Amino acid sequence: MMTYSIDLREAAISYVSNGGSKVEASRIFNVSRNTLYRWLGAKDLRPKAHGFRRRKIDKSKLRDHAWEFPDMYLRERAAIFNIHVSSMGRMLKKLDIVKKRTSV
């Protein structure tokens, strides 16, 4: 995601404050109107600091569990880690853990 510079934010606000239209400002400064409206209503134009997301799954525990129980179904593993099945699938894919099927 791109963060707009404070100079650009101030220039867009100044343009609107000096009588320019919001639609024109959004075209000139190449920002969406929603972004411009958000800047107009903001007390502070500095971008917000974002922290790290806390994940529900400990990757090392999941890796160890998958190594210990390689034949476990996705829904069973998701129930153990108390997450949704699709979330488990995405995490296993991210960790490059795949269940290989053998032909009989």
Protein backbone atom coordinates (compact mmCIF):
# COMPACT_ATOMS: atom_id res chain seq x y z
CA MET A 1 0.00 0.00 0.00
CA MET A 2 1.28 3.43 -0.88
CA THR A 3 1.51 6.25 1.64
CA TYR A 4 1.00 9.74 0.28
CA SER A 5 3.52 12.39 1.30
CA ILE A 6 2.50 15.12 3.71
CA ASP A 7 3.39 17.73 1.06
CA LEU A 8 0.89 16.19 -1.36
CA ARG A 9 -1.77 16.03 1.33
CA GLU A 10 -1.25 19.67 2.29
CA ALA A 11 -1.26 20.78 -1.37
CA ALA A 12 -4.57 19.01 -2.02
CA ILE A 13 -6.14 20.50 1.12
CA SER A 14 -4.81 23.94 0.21
CA TYR A 15 -6.25 23.66 -3.29
CA VAL A 16 -9.71 22.91 -1.92
CA SER A 17 -9.41 25.58 0.80
CA ASN A 18 -8.58 28.22 -1.85
CA GLY A 19 -11.79 27.55 -3.74
CA GLY A 20 -10.90 24.59 -5.94
CA SER A 21 -13.41 21.80 -6.31
CA LYS A 22 -12.88 18.47 -4.62
CA VAL A 23 -13.41 16.60 -7.88
CA GLU A 24 -10.73 18.67 -9.62
CA ALA A 25 -8.37 18.25 -6.66
CA SER A 26 -8.76 14.50 -6.83
CA ARG A 27 -7.92 14.58 -10.56
CA ILE A 28 -4.99 16.99 -10.24
CA PHE A 29 -3.35 15.22 -7.30
CA ASN A 30 -4.31 11.72 -8.49
CA VAL A 31 -6.06 10.65 -5.28
CA SER A 32 -9.54 9.27 -4.81
CA ARG A 33 -12.30 11.55 -3.61
CA ASN A 34 -12.77 9.35 -0.55
CA THR A 35 -9.11 9.91 0.36
CA LEU A 36 -9.51 13.65 -0.15
CA TYR A 37 -12.62 13.76 2.05
CA ARG A 38 -10.76 11.80 4.74
CA TRP A 39 -7.89 14.31 4.63
CA LEU A 40 -10.32 17.24 4.82
CA GLY A 41 -11.87 15.82 7.99
CA ALA A 42 -8.61 14.79 9.63
CA LYS A 43 -7.09 16.69 12.53
CA ASP A 44 -3.62 15.47 11.62
CA LEU A 45 -2.44 14.79 8.07
CA ARG A 46 0.42 12.51 9.07
CA PRO A 47 -0.03 8.88 8.03
CA LYS A 48 -1.04 6.52 10.82
CA ALA A 49 1.54 4.09 12.11
CA HIS A 50 0.53 0.47 11.70
CA GLY A 51 1.83 -2.29 13.91
CA PHE A 52 2.34 -5.95 13.25
CA ARG A 53 -0.66 -8.27 13.14
CA ARG A 54 -0.79 -10.90 15.82
CA ARG A 55 -1.42 -14.24 14.24
CA LYS A 56 -3.50 -16.89 15.93
CA ILE A 57 -1.28 -19.71 14.71
CA ASP A 58 2.27 -20.25 15.91
CA LYS A 59 4.10 -21.22 12.71
CA SER A 60 6.70 -23.38 14.44
CA LYS A 61 4.02 -25.33 16.33
CA LEU A 62 2.07 -25.86 13.12
CA ARG A 63 5.17 -27.05 11.28
CA ASP A 64 5.99 -29.49 14.10
CA HIS A 65 2.39 -30.72 14.22
CA ALA A 66 2.30 -31.28 10.46
CA TRP A 67 5.57 -33.22 10.68
CA GLU A 68 4.28 -35.36 13.55
CA PHE A 69 0.84 -36.02 11.98
CA PRO A 70 1.32 -35.83 8.19
CA ASP A 71 -1.90 -37.69 7.29
CA MET A 72 -4.28 -35.53 9.33
CA TYR A 73 -7.19 -33.95 7.47
CA LEU A 74 -7.30 -30.20 7.09
CA ARG A 75 -10.53 -29.89 9.11
CA GLU A 76 -9.05 -31.95 11.96
CA ARG A 77 -5.92 -29.83 12.10
CA ALA A 78 -8.02 -26.64 11.96
CA ALA A 79 -10.09 -27.86 14.92
CA ILE A 80 -6.95 -28.50 16.96
CA PHE A 81 -5.62 -24.99 16.28
CA ASN A 82 -9.12 -23.47 16.69
CA ILE A 83 -9.21 -21.72 13.31
CA HIS A 84 -11.29 -21.94 10.15
CA VAL A 85 -10.44 -24.65 7.62
CA SER A 86 -9.65 -22.13 4.86
CA SER A 87 -7.27 -20.28 7.19
CA MET A 88 -5.47 -23.53 7.93
CA GLY A 89 -5.16 -24.26 4.23
CA ARG A 90 -3.70 -20.82 3.53
CA MET A 91 -1.21 -21.12 6.39
CA LEU A 92 -0.05 -24.58 5.32
CA LYS A 93 0.38 -23.33 1.77
CA LYS A 94 2.35 -20.33 3.04
CA LEU A 95 4.61 -22.67 4.99
CA ASP A 96 4.95 -24.86 1.86
CA ILE A 97 3.48 -27.89 3.63
CA VAL A 98 1.49 -30.05 1.25
CA LYS A 99 -0.12 -33.42 1.75
CA LYS A 100 0.97 -35.65 -1.08
CA ARG A 101 -1.49 -38.30 -2.13
CA THR A 102 -0.17 -41.70 -3.02
CA SER A 103 -1.85 -43.76 -5.70
CA VAL A 104 -3.18 -47.15 -4.67
